[in-house]
Protein backbone atom coordinates (compact mmCIF):
# COMPACT_ATOMS: atom_id res chain seq x y z
CA UNK A 1 -9.69 30.94 -17.30
CA UNK A 2 -6.64 29.35 -15.77
CA UNK A 3 -6.41 25.67 -14.92
CA UNK A 4 -6.85 26.30 -11.18
CA UNK A 5 -10.04 28.25 -11.89
CA UNK A 6 -11.35 25.38 -14.01
CA UNK A 7 -10.43 22.89 -11.25
CA UNK A 8 -12.25 24.93 -8.58
CA UNK A 9 -15.31 25.21 -10.78
CA UNK A 10 -15.32 21.46 -11.48
CA UNK A 11 -15.03 20.58 -7.80
CA UNK A 12 -17.81 23.05 -6.92
CA UNK A 13 -20.08 21.53 -9.54
CA UNK A 14 -19.47 18.02 -8.15
CA UNK A 15 -20.23 19.20 -4.61
CA UNK A 16 -23.55 20.62 -5.73
CA UNK A 17 -24.59 17.12 -6.92
CA UNK A 18 -23.06 15.04 -4.14
CA UNK A 19 -25.38 12.06 -4.42
CA UNK A 20 -25.09 11.70 -8.18
CA UNK A 21 -21.32 12.25 -8.10
CA UNK A 22 -20.96 9.81 -5.21
CA UNK A 23 -22.88 7.06 -6.99
CA UNK A 24 -20.88 7.62 -10.17
CA UNK A 25 -17.64 7.50 -8.19
CA UNK A 26 -18.82 4.27 -6.52
CA UNK A 27 -19.04 2.62 -9.93
CA UNK A 28 -15.44 3.60 -10.63
CA UNK A 29 -14.37 2.31 -7.21
CA UNK A 30 -15.93 -1.09 -7.89
CA UNK A 31 -14.36 -1.28 -11.35
CA UNK A 32 -10.87 -0.39 -10.15
CA UNK A 33 -11.14 -2.73 -7.14
CA UNK A 34 -12.15 -5.58 -9.44
CA UNK A 35 -9.26 -4.95 -11.83
CA UNK A 36 -6.62 -4.61 -9.11
CA UNK A 37 -7.89 -7.59 -7.11
CA UNK A 38 -8.08 -9.98 -10.05
CA UNK A 39 -4.79 -8.95 -11.63
CA UNK A 40 -3.03 -9.00 -8.25
CA UNK A 41 -4.28 -12.56 -7.78
CA UNK A 42 -2.81 -13.57 -11.13
CA UNK A 43 0.47 -11.84 -10.29
CA UNK A 44 0.49 -13.58 -6.93
CA UNK A 45 0.10 -16.98 -8.58
CA UNK A 46 2.94 -16.15 -10.98
CA UNK A 47 5.22 -14.94 -8.17
CA UNK A 48 4.54 -17.97 -5.97
CA UNK A 49 5.08 -20.38 -8.87
CA UNK A 50 8.34 -18.80 -10.04
CA UNK A 51 9.67 -18.43 -6.50
CA UNK A 52 8.83 -22.04 -5.80
CA UNK A 53 10.81 -23.15 -8.83
CA UNK A 54 13.68 -20.84 -7.87
CA UNK A 55 13.67 -22.14 -4.30
CA UNK A 56 14.03 -25.65 -5.69
CA UNK A 57 16.85 -24.44 -7.97
CA UNK A 58 14.96 -25.64 -11.02
CA UNK A 59 15.84 -22.52 -13.03
CA UNK A 60 19.50 -22.46 -11.96
CA UNK A 61 20.48 -26.02 -12.83
CA UNK A 62 20.43 -28.24 -15.91
CA UNK A 63 21.31 -31.82 -16.71
CA UNK A 64 24.10 -32.43 -19.24
CA UNK A 65 24.12 -35.89 -20.79
CA UNK A 66 27.18 -37.85 -21.81
CA UNK A 67 27.51 -40.48 -24.50
CA UNK A 68 25.12 -43.39 -23.98
CA UNK A 69 27.33 -46.42 -24.50
CA UNK A 70 24.41 -48.83 -24.83
CA UNK A 71 22.75 -46.74 -27.53
CA UNK A 72 26.06 -46.21 -29.33
CA UNK A 73 26.81 -49.93 -29.42
CA UNK A 74 23.35 -50.80 -30.77
CA UNK A 75 23.46 -48.17 -33.52
CA UNK A 76 27.00 -48.94 -34.68
CA UNK A 77 26.65 -52.72 -34.66
CA UNK A 78 23.27 -52.62 -36.41
CA UNK A 79 24.66 -50.21 -39.00
CA UNK A 80 27.60 -52.52 -39.64
CA UNK A 81 25.13 -55.39 -40.13
CA UNK A 82 22.99 -53.31 -42.49
CA UNK A 83 19.98 -53.48 -40.17
CA UNK A 84 19.48 -49.79 -39.54
CA UNK A 85 17.85 -48.70 -42.81
CA UNK A 86 14.07 -49.21 -42.87
CA UNK A 87 14.19 -50.39 -39.26
CA UNK A 88 12.50 -47.25 -38.05
CA UNK A 89 9.38 -47.94 -40.07
CA UNK A 90 8.88 -51.34 -38.42
CA UNK A 91 8.92 -49.97 -34.89
CA UNK A 92 5.76 -49.34 -32.97
CA UNK A 93 4.94 -46.01 -31.35
CA UNK A 94 6.17 -47.04 -27.92
CA UNK A 95 9.54 -48.20 -29.28
CA UNK A 96 9.95 -44.97 -31.25
CA UNK A 97 9.20 -42.94 -28.16
CA UNK A 98 11.72 -44.95 -26.16
CA UNK A 99 14.38 -44.46 -28.83
CA UNK A 100 13.63 -40.75 -28.99
CA UNK A 101 14.03 -40.46 -25.23
CA UNK A 102 17.33 -42.35 -25.35
CA UNK A 103 18.60 -40.09 -28.14
CA UNK A 104 17.66 -37.02 -26.13
CA UNK A 105 19.55 -38.37 -23.12
CA UNK A 106 22.67 -39.14 -25.12
CA UNK A 107 25.33 -36.81 -26.49
CA UNK A 108 27.91 -37.10 -29.23
CA UNK A 109 30.75 -36.60 -26.74
CA UNK A 110 31.75 -38.68 -23.76
CA UNK A 111 31.34 -36.89 -20.46
CA UNK A 112 34.83 -37.64 -19.13
CA UNK A 113 36.77 -35.86 -16.39
CA UNK A 114 38.41 -33.71 -19.07
CA UNK A 115 34.98 -32.69 -20.40
CA UNK A 116 33.82 -31.98 -16.84
CA UNK A 117 36.69 -29.54 -16.32
CA UNK A 118 36.00 -27.95 -19.71
CA UNK A 119 32.35 -27.34 -18.78
CA UNK A 120 33.31 -26.00 -15.35
CA UNK A 121 35.46 -23.32 -17.06
CA UNK A 122 32.55 -21.95 -19.14
CA UNK A 123 31.47 -18.36 -18.31
CA UNK A 124 28.48 -18.32 -15.98
CA UNK A 125 28.95 -21.85 -14.63
CA UNK A 126 29.05 -21.98 -10.83
CA UNK A 127 29.84 -25.68 -10.51
CA UNK A 128 29.34 -29.03 -12.21
CA UNK A 129 28.47 -32.26 -10.42
CA UNK A 130 28.97 -35.59 -12.27
CA UNK A 131 26.09 -37.98 -11.76
CA UNK A 132 27.10 -41.32 -10.23
CA UNK A 133 24.12 -43.25 -8.88
CA UNK A 134 23.70 -46.90 -7.95
CA UNK A 135 21.65 -49.06 -5.60
CA UNK A 136 23.13 -51.34 -2.93
CA UNK A 137 22.07 -53.49 -0.04
CA UNK A 138 23.52 -51.90 3.06
CA UNK A 139 23.54 -52.50 6.77
CA UNK A 140 23.21 -49.69 9.32
CA UNK A 141 22.15 -49.98 12.95
CA UNK A 142 21.74 -53.74 12.37
CA UNK A 143 19.08 -53.13 9.71
CA UNK A 144 19.57 -54.22 6.11
CA UNK A 145 17.79 -52.27 3.40
CA UNK A 146 18.16 -51.46 -0.27
CA UNK A 147 19.19 -47.82 -0.67
CA UNK A 148 20.31 -45.47 -3.42
CA UNK A 149 23.82 -44.06 -3.23
CA UNK A 150 25.21 -40.98 -4.97
CA UNK A 151 28.72 -39.67 -5.43
CA UNK A 152 29.52 -36.02 -4.68
CA UNK A 153 32.51 -33.82 -5.30
CA UNK A 154 34.33 -32.32 -2.33
CA UNK A 155 34.23 -29.43 -1.61
CA UNK A 156 30.64 -29.04 -2.81
CA UNK A 157 28.71 -25.78 -3.21
CA UNK A 158 25.35 -27.32 -4.15
CA UNK A 159 22.45 -25.86 -2.17
CA UNK A 160 21.38 -29.38 -1.25
CA UNK A 161 24.43 -29.73 1.01
CA UNK A 162 24.19 -26.42 2.83
CA UNK A 163 21.80 -27.24 5.69
CA UNK A 164 22.38 -30.12 8.09
CA UNK A 165 20.17 -31.44 10.87
CA UNK A 166 23.34 -32.78 12.51
CA UNK A 167 27.01 -33.13 11.66
CA UNK A 168 28.76 -31.66 8.64
CA UNK A 169 29.68 -32.20 4.98
CA UNK A 170 32.23 -34.77 3.80
CA UNK A 171 35.71 -33.35 4.41
CA UNK A 172 37.75 -34.83 1.55
CA UNK A 173 37.50 -36.90 -1.62
CA UNK A 174 39.58 -39.86 -0.44
CA UNK A 175 37.75 -40.71 2.75
CA UNK A 176 35.27 -43.20 4.17
CA UNK A 177 32.82 -40.48 5.22
CA UNK A 178 29.17 -40.41 4.15
CA UNK A 179 26.21 -38.04 4.38
CA UNK A 180 22.63 -39.30 4.75
CA UNK A 181 19.23 -37.65 4.86
CA UNK A 182 16.69 -37.57 7.67
CA UNK A 183 14.55 -40.25 6.00
CA UNK A 184 17.52 -42.64 6.15
CA UNK A 185 17.85 -41.95 9.89
CA UNK A 186 14.24 -42.86 10.61
CA UNK A 187 14.20 -45.87 8.26
CA UNK A 188 17.20 -47.43 10.02
CA UNK A 189 15.87 -46.95 13.53
CA UNK A 190 18.09 -44.16 14.81
CA UNK A 191 16.48 -42.03 17.51
CA UNK A 192 17.55 -38.82 15.83
CA UNK A 193 20.08 -37.21 13.48
CA UNK A 194 22.58 -36.63 16.29
CA UNK A 195 22.61 -40.34 17.18
CA UNK A 196 23.27 -41.33 13.55
CA UNK A 197 26.41 -39.19 13.27
CA UNK A 198 29.48 -41.38 13.78
CA UNK A 199 27.67 -44.66 13.07
CA UNK A 200 28.85 -47.12 10.42
CA UNK A 201 27.25 -48.04 7.10
CA UNK A 202 28.22 -51.32 5.43
CA UNK A 203 27.80 -51.82 1.68
CA UNK A 204 27.06 -55.51 1.04
CA UNK A 205 28.09 -57.52 -2.02
CA UNK A 206 29.01 -61.14 -2.81
CA UNK A 207 32.64 -61.96 -2.05
CA UNK A 208 33.33 -62.96 -5.65
CA UNK A 209 32.27 -59.48 -6.83
CA UNK A 210 35.13 -57.97 -4.86
CA UNK A 211 37.69 -59.83 -6.95
CA UNK A 212 35.77 -59.51 -10.21
CA UNK A 213 37.68 -56.48 -11.39
CA UNK A 214 41.11 -58.07 -10.79
CA UNK A 215 40.20 -61.20 -12.71
CA UNK A 216 38.47 -59.55 -15.66
CA UNK A 217 41.46 -59.52 -17.99
CA UNK A 218 42.42 -63.09 -17.12
CA UNK A 219 38.89 -64.38 -17.73
CA UNK A 220 38.52 -62.46 -20.97
CA UNK A 221 41.43 -64.43 -22.48
CA UNK A 222 39.75 -67.76 -21.79
CA UNK A 223 37.06 -69.47 -23.79
CA UNK A 224 33.45 -69.38 -22.69
CA UNK A 225 33.44 -73.11 -21.91
CA UNK A 226 36.47 -72.76 -19.63
CA UNK A 227 34.89 -69.80 -17.82
CA UNK A 228 31.66 -71.66 -17.26
CA UNK A 229 33.52 -74.62 -15.83
CA UNK A 230 35.46 -72.59 -13.26
CA UNK A 231 32.75 -70.23 -12.03
CA UNK A 232 30.46 -71.51 -9.26
CA UNK A 233 26.73 -71.70 -9.74
CA UNK A 234 24.93 -68.58 -8.63
CA UNK A 235 21.40 -67.43 -8.02
CA UNK A 236 20.96 -63.75 -8.98
CA UNK A 237 24.68 -63.22 -8.35
CA UNK A 238 24.72 -64.89 -4.90
CA UNK A 239 26.79 -68.11 -4.48
CA UNK A 240 24.78 -71.30 -4.06
CA UNK A 241 27.59 -72.94 -2.12
CA UNK A 242 27.13 -73.47 1.57
CA UNK A 243 28.49 -70.72 3.77
CA UNK A 244 31.46 -71.33 5.98
CA UNK A 245 30.86 -72.42 9.53
CA UNK A 246 30.90 -69.68 12.12
CA UNK A 247 29.53 -66.99 9.78
CA UNK A 248 26.60 -65.02 11.19
CA UNK A 249 23.23 -65.44 9.51
CA UNK A 250 22.93 -62.93 6.66
CA UNK A 251 26.70 -62.13 6.68
CA UNK A 252 28.22 -65.31 5.18
CA UNK A 253 29.50 -64.94 1.63
CA UNK A 254 29.22 -61.12 1.74
CA UNK A 255 31.92 -58.49 1.87
CA UNK A 256 31.31 -54.95 3.00
CA UNK A 257 32.73 -51.52 2.25
CA UNK A 258 32.36 -49.49 5.41
CA UNK A 259 31.56 -45.78 5.61
CA UNK A 260 31.08 -43.52 8.61
CA UNK A 261 28.16 -41.09 8.83
CA UNK A 262 29.47 -37.54 9.37
CA UNK A 263 26.34 -35.54 8.55
CA UNK A 264 22.56 -35.73 8.27
CA UNK A 265 20.96 -33.47 5.67
CA UNK A 266 18.04 -31.41 6.86
CA UNK A 267 14.86 -32.36 5.04
CA UNK A 268 13.86 -28.83 3.98
CA UNK A 269 11.52 -29.77 1.16
CA UNK A 270 8.25 -31.47 1.97
CA UNK A 271 7.23 -34.78 0.49
CA UNK A 272 5.49 -34.62 -2.85
CA UNK A 273 2.52 -36.53 -4.19
CA UNK A 274 2.60 -40.18 -3.23
CA UNK A 275 5.11 -39.54 -0.45
CA UNK A 276 8.08 -39.19 -2.81
CA UNK A 277 10.76 -36.89 -1.49
CA UNK A 278 11.60 -33.84 -3.53
CA UNK A 279 14.98 -32.13 -3.33
CA UNK A 280 16.45 -28.90 -4.54
CA UNK A 281 17.82 -28.77 -8.04
CA UNK A 282 17.75 -31.27 -10.87
CA UNK A 283 20.50 -33.43 -9.36
CA UNK A 284 19.10 -36.97 -8.97
CA UNK A 285 18.25 -37.69 -5.35
CA UNK A 286 19.92 -40.37 -3.24
CA UNK A 287 19.55 -41.71 0.30
CA UNK A 288 23.31 -41.65 0.94
CA UNK A 289 26.11 -39.53 -0.50
CA UNK A 290 29.74 -40.65 -0.54
CA UNK A 291 32.87 -39.08 -2.13
CA UNK A 292 32.82 -39.20 -5.93
CA UNK A 293 36.06 -41.20 -6.13
CA UNK A 294 34.65 -43.87 -3.81
CA UNK A 295 31.40 -44.00 -5.77
CA UNK A 296 33.29 -44.45 -9.04
CA UNK A 297 35.42 -47.19 -7.51
CA UNK A 298 32.37 -49.12 -6.25
CA UNK A 299 30.49 -48.74 -9.54
CA UNK A 300 33.45 -50.00 -11.59
CA UNK A 301 34.08 -53.01 -9.36
CA UNK A 302 30.38 -53.95 -9.15
CA UNK A 303 29.21 -53.41 -12.70
CA UNK A 304 26.08 -55.25 -13.75
CA UNK A 305 26.02 -57.77 -16.54
CA UNK A 306 24.43 -55.36 -19.04
CA UNK A 307 27.08 -52.71 -18.43
CA UNK A 308 29.85 -55.26 -18.80
CA UNK A 309 28.45 -56.54 -22.09
CA UNK A 310 28.07 -53.00 -23.50
CA UNK A 311 31.62 -52.12 -22.48
CA UNK A 312 33.03 -55.33 -23.99
CA UNK A 313 31.13 -54.81 -27.26
CA UNK A 314 32.30 -51.19 -27.47
CA UNK A 315 35.92 -52.22 -27.08
CA UNK A 316 35.61 -55.14 -29.52
CA UNK A 317 34.01 -52.97 -32.19
CA UNK A 318 36.58 -50.20 -31.78
CA UNK A 319 34.07 -47.63 -30.54
CA UNK A 320 36.03 -47.37 -27.32
CA UNK A 321 39.81 -47.59 -27.14
CA UNK A 322 41.43 -49.88 -24.59
CA UNK A 323 42.59 -46.97 -22.45
CA UNK A 324 39.46 -44.85 -22.99
CA UNK A 325 36.82 -44.67 -20.25
CA UNK A 326 33.10 -44.68 -20.89
CA UNK A 327 32.64 -41.47 -18.89
CA UNK A 328 29.68 -40.31 -16.87
CA UNK A 329 26.12 -40.73 -18.04
CA UNK A 330 25.17 -37.22 -16.93
CA UNK A 331 26.20 -34.24 -14.84
CA UNK A 332 24.40 -31.38 -13.11
CA UNK A 333 25.47 -27.87 -14.10
CA UNK A 334 24.55 -24.87 -11.96
CA UNK A 335 24.79 -21.28 -13.19
CA UNK A 336 25.41 -18.14 -11.14
CA UNK A 337 22.35 -16.38 -12.56
CA UNK A 338 19.34 -17.79 -14.48
CA UNK A 339 19.89 -15.00 -17.01
CA UNK A 340 23.17 -16.67 -18.00
CA UNK A 341 21.47 -20.02 -18.60
CA UNK A 342 20.80 -19.43 -22.30
CA UNK A 343 24.46 -18.70 -23.05
CA UNK A 344 25.64 -21.75 -21.09
CA UNK A 345 23.18 -24.02 -22.89
CA UNK A 346 24.28 -22.74 -26.30
CA UNK A 347 27.94 -23.30 -25.38
CA UNK A 348 27.22 -26.86 -24.26
CA UNK A 349 25.31 -27.69 -27.44
CA UNK A 350 28.12 -26.26 -29.56
CA UNK A 351 30.46 -28.68 -27.79
CA UNK A 352 28.27 -31.67 -28.69
CA UNK A 353 26.32 -32.15 -25.44
CA UNK A 354 22.59 -32.60 -25.06
CA UNK A 355 21.03 -30.77 -22.12
CA UNK A 356 17.76 -30.86 -20.23
CA UNK A 357 16.31 -28.41 -17.75
CA UNK A 358 13.34 -26.25 -16.90
CA UNK A 359 15.03 -23.10 -18.21
CA UNK A 360 12.83 -23.30 -21.31
CA UNK A 361 9.75 -23.44 -19.11
CA UNK A 362 10.42 -20.01 -17.55
CA UNK A 363 9.41 -18.09 -20.69
CA UNK A 364 6.42 -20.38 -21.16
CA UNK A 365 5.33 -19.78 -17.56
CA UNK A 366 5.60 -16.03 -18.04
CA UNK A 367 3.64 -16.22 -21.29
CA UNK A 368 0.95 -18.32 -19.63
CA UNK A 369 0.54 -15.91 -16.73
CA UNK A 370 0.57 -12.96 -19.12
CA UNK A 371 -2.49 -14.47 -20.78
CA UNK A 372 -4.08 -15.21 -17.40
CA UNK A 373 -3.47 -11.67 -16.12
CA UNK A 374 -4.82 -10.19 -19.35
CA UNK A 375 -7.99 -12.28 -19.03
CA UNK A 376 -8.45 -11.32 -15.37
CA UNK A 377 -7.81 -7.66 -16.18
CA UNK A 378 -10.34 -7.82 -19.00
CA UNK A 379 -12.98 -9.20 -16.65
CA UNK A 380 -12.28 -6.43 -14.17
CA UNK A 381 -12.24 -3.87 -16.98
CA UNK A 382 -15.84 -4.75 -17.80
CA UNK A 383 -16.87 -3.29 -14.45
CA UNK A 384 -14.96 -0.11 -15.21
CA UNK A 385 -16.58 0.02 -18.64
CA UNK A 386 -19.99 -0.10 -17.00
CA UNK A 387 -18.86 2.70 -14.69
CA UNK A 388 -17.89 4.79 -17.71
CA UNK A 389 -21.53 4.81 -18.85
CA UNK A 390 -22.44 6.16 -15.44
CA UNK A 391 -19.86 8.93 -15.84
CA UNK A 392 -21.24 9.84 -19.27
CA UNK A 393 -24.77 9.88 -17.88
CA UNK A 394 -23.71 12.13 -14.99
CA UNK A 395 -22.03 14.58 -17.34
CA UNK A 396 -25.06 14.70 -19.66
CA UNK A 397 -27.38 15.36 -16.72
CA UNK A 398 -25.01 18.08 -15.61
CA UNK A 399 -25.30 19.74 -19.01
CA UNK A 400 -29.10 19.78 -18.81
CA UNK A 401 -29.03 21.29 -15.33
CA UNK A 402 -26.35 23.89 -16.18
CA UNK A 403 -27.42 24.92 -19.69
CA UNK A 404 -28.15 28.53 -18.61
CA UNK A 405 -24.85 28.68 -16.71
CA UNK A 406 -22.94 27.47 -19.76
CA UNK A 407 -24.71 30.08 -21.90
CA UNK A 408 -23.69 32.87 -19.50
CA UNK A 409 -20.03 31.69 -19.54
CA UNK A 410 -20.00 31.67 -23.34
CA UNK A 411 -21.74 35.07 -23.47
CA UNK A 412 -19.02 36.69 -21.36
CA UNK A 413 -16.23 35.24 -23.51
CA UNK A 414 -15.62 31.61 -22.46
CA UNK A 415 -14.22 29.59 -25.35
CA UNK A 416 -15.42 26.15 -26.41
CA UNK A 417 -12.12 24.58 -25.23
CA UNK A 418 -12.61 26.00 -21.74
CA UNK A 419 -16.14 24.59 -21.59
CA UNK A 420 -14.81 21.18 -22.62
CA UNK A 421 -12.02 21.38 -20.06
CA UNK A 422 -14.55 21.93 -17.27
CA UNK A 423 -16.25 18.63 -18.05
CA UNK A 424 -12.97 16.82 -18.66
CA UNK A 425 -11.64 17.94 -15.28
CA UNK A 426 -14.87 16.89 -13.56
CA UNK A 427 -14.60 13.44 -15.11
CA UNK A 428 -10.88 13.23 -14.22
CA UNK A 429 -11.65 14.11 -10.59
CA UNK A 430 -14.26 11.34 -10.48
CA UNK A 431 -11.75 8.90 -12.04
CA UNK A 432 -8.95 9.94 -9.68
CA UNK A 433 -11.10 9.68 -6.57
CA UNK A 434 -12.62 6.37 -7.66
CA UNK A 435 -9.20 5.00 -8.66
CA UNK A 436 -7.53 5.82 -5.33
CA UNK A 437 -10.42 4.48 -3.27
CA UNK A 438 -10.69 1.42 -5.53
CA UNK A 439 -6.98 0.63 -5.09
CA UNK A 440 -7.34 0.93 -1.31
CA UNK A 441 -10.41 -1.31 -1.43
CA UNK A 442 -8.47 -3.91 -3.45
CA UNK A 443 -5.63 -3.80 -0.91
CA UNK A 444 -8.13 -4.45 1.86
CA UNK A 445 -9.81 -7.28 -0.08
CA UNK A 446 -6.43 -8.93 -0.70
CA UNK A 447 -5.51 -8.77 2.98
CA UNK A 448 -8.85 -10.14 4.18
CA UNK A 449 -8.81 -12.95 1.59
CA UNK A 450 -5.29 -14.00 2.63
CA UNK A 451 -6.27 -14.13 6.30
CA UNK A 452 -9.45 -16.11 5.62
CA UNK A 453 -7.65 -18.67 3.46
CA UNK A 454 -4.93 -19.11 6.06
CA UNK A 455 -7.42 -19.33 8.96
CA UNK A 456 -9.81 -21.84 7.42
CA UNK A 457 -7.66 -23.77 4.91
CA UNK A 458 -3.93 -23.56 5.58
CA UNK A 459 -3.67 -23.34 9.37
CA UNK A 460 -5.82 -26.45 10.07
CA UNK A 461 -3.51 -28.46 7.77
CA UNK A 462 -0.35 -27.09 9.37
CA UNK A 463 0.66 -25.17 6.23
CA UNK A 464 2.56 -21.85 6.47
CA UNK A 465 0.99 -18.52 5.58
CA UNK A 466 0.97 -17.81 1.83
CA UNK A 467 0.32 -14.44 0.25
CA UNK A 468 -1.85 -15.28 -2.75
CA UNK A 469 -1.87 -11.71 -4.05
CA UNK A 470 0.85 -9.44 -5.38
CA UNK A 471 0.14 -5.71 -5.38
CA UNK A 472 3.18 -3.95 -6.84
CA UNK A 473 3.12 -0.14 -7.10
CA UNK A 474 2.91 -0.20 -10.88
CA UNK A 475 -0.36 -2.14 -10.69
CA UNK A 476 -2.35 0.27 -8.55
CA UNK A 477 -0.78 3.32 -10.19
CA UNK A 478 -1.73 1.94 -13.61
CA UNK A 479 -5.24 1.20 -12.36
CA UNK A 480 -5.68 4.79 -11.14
CA UNK A 481 -4.36 6.19 -14.41
CA UNK A 482 -6.60 3.84 -16.38
CA UNK A 483 -9.63 4.95 -14.37
CA UNK A 484 -8.85 8.61 -15.14
CA UNK A 485 -8.41 7.89 -18.86
CA UNK A 486 -11.68 5.95 -19.05
CA UNK A 487 -13.46 8.76 -17.20
CA UNK A 488 -12.13 11.41 -19.56
CA UNK A 489 -13.07 9.30 -22.59
CA UNK A 490 -16.56 8.90 -21.16
CA UNK A 491 -16.79 12.69 -20.96
CA UNK A 492 -15.89 13.30 -24.60
CA UNK A 493 -19.45 13.35 -25.87
CA UNK A 494 -20.92 15.39 -22.99
CA UNK A 495 -18.08 17.93 -23.26
CA UNK A 496 -18.53 18.28 -27.03
CA UNK A 497 -22.26 18.66 -26.56
CA UNK A 498 -21.76 21.36 -23.95
CA UNK A 499 -19.35 23.25 -26.21
CA UNK A 500 -21.93 23.29 -29.04
CA UNK A 501 -24.61 25.01 -26.96
CA UNK A 502 -25.86 28.25 -28.52
CA UNK A 503 -25.46 31.01 -25.86
CA UNK A 504 -28.61 32.82 -27.08
CA UNK A 505 -30.76 29.69 -26.71
CA UNK A 506 -29.02 28.85 -23.44
CA UNK A 507 -29.89 32.23 -21.93
CA UNK A 508 -33.55 31.67 -22.82
CA UNK A 509 -33.45 28.19 -21.22
CA UNK A 510 -35.44 27.93 -18.00
């Protein structure tokens, strides 16, 4: 017999036992629907998680750390004093953890402008953004608040500076322009982003801080007693002397660096837990962004006491030459493609830089979801395993009902292989039908579940629609093929039993 003849015979046999075949097929449908639904849910979780990280640029960006001057000074000076050996054993767990974190956030090389340009030239690097962050008291719209300020390079291709609620990006490096976010607009009492554009921002600092940089070299040549005698008493850096007459309340004794708001960043990312704002990428967030050159100038002229001491110790001990700069503490590096991240990281480490990013988490996320999907598929496969017993039972019952028919086929020359093929094809038809209908049922279940979750959970909270399931073609095609394979395996014993029937005894069977 040809294959088409065997197929027609198998289909005819299934039609003659519609109820039994239908119930057996129903078991396969349930098994396939369970597998596809559960695995598609796991794939949906994986897709939503990875896409969320990609939307936030957490797989495209990394932090590169420069040389930590404070850590370097401590290590070198303690080593010179012979205090480093055996010191580690006397530290408690918290101190060791703190030192470990500082070592991880410090590199062997200084992250200078030359190093920045070297990193920018690496293959796969889209851009590099030095990290300059500080906190100032500022006045805007007659409101004084403490805000974080960040320096940015111009032009800037970071995704954070692509969408504006009003205005535009800073035009040039040497300018008094600034960009703020929507939270800054509301906190300072502006009616909207459009009203904030063009308004002034004043950075506030004590008047003596403005001339601190010019007088540093002169004061360093004097003795400590002479310095103490000439500097006025202060309280947390603010002069205790009376303010001059005519100064407005809150303005006396303060100088201001003025910037003009040219753009308001659109707050695309919702607030996270506790109301903290989350931004795209690993670049540290700030309320205000000013040109990098202006940020460097302000930071150098308004260094805190700890930074000044570390810099002075570094120069005195020879760790830092007189003309050498301390460099940036960190920088954000963005790659063109996450696939190039591994090569960029290796190049940076070869050059003596420590890096941090979530690029290592991508493989771990995939491994985790691989385990989750395997577990979900196994649970769904149990249903298909139960269905396979039903297939085997159906085939065995078919043998008992068609014993005489099988004997006649063997008596007129049918081979054992052809008898086996009849049962294998019957089982494959059941698996194919159950697999297709099961995949369609899973598609329907996924759609209904998405709508119910959105209707009763997401929509009342104002959340957008989320597809919790992912049903790629390879999933339902694999499920159908798996159902056919399981069905054929379930028919192995019945087919072998049918092929062993003695035609003489079969013809005598009632």
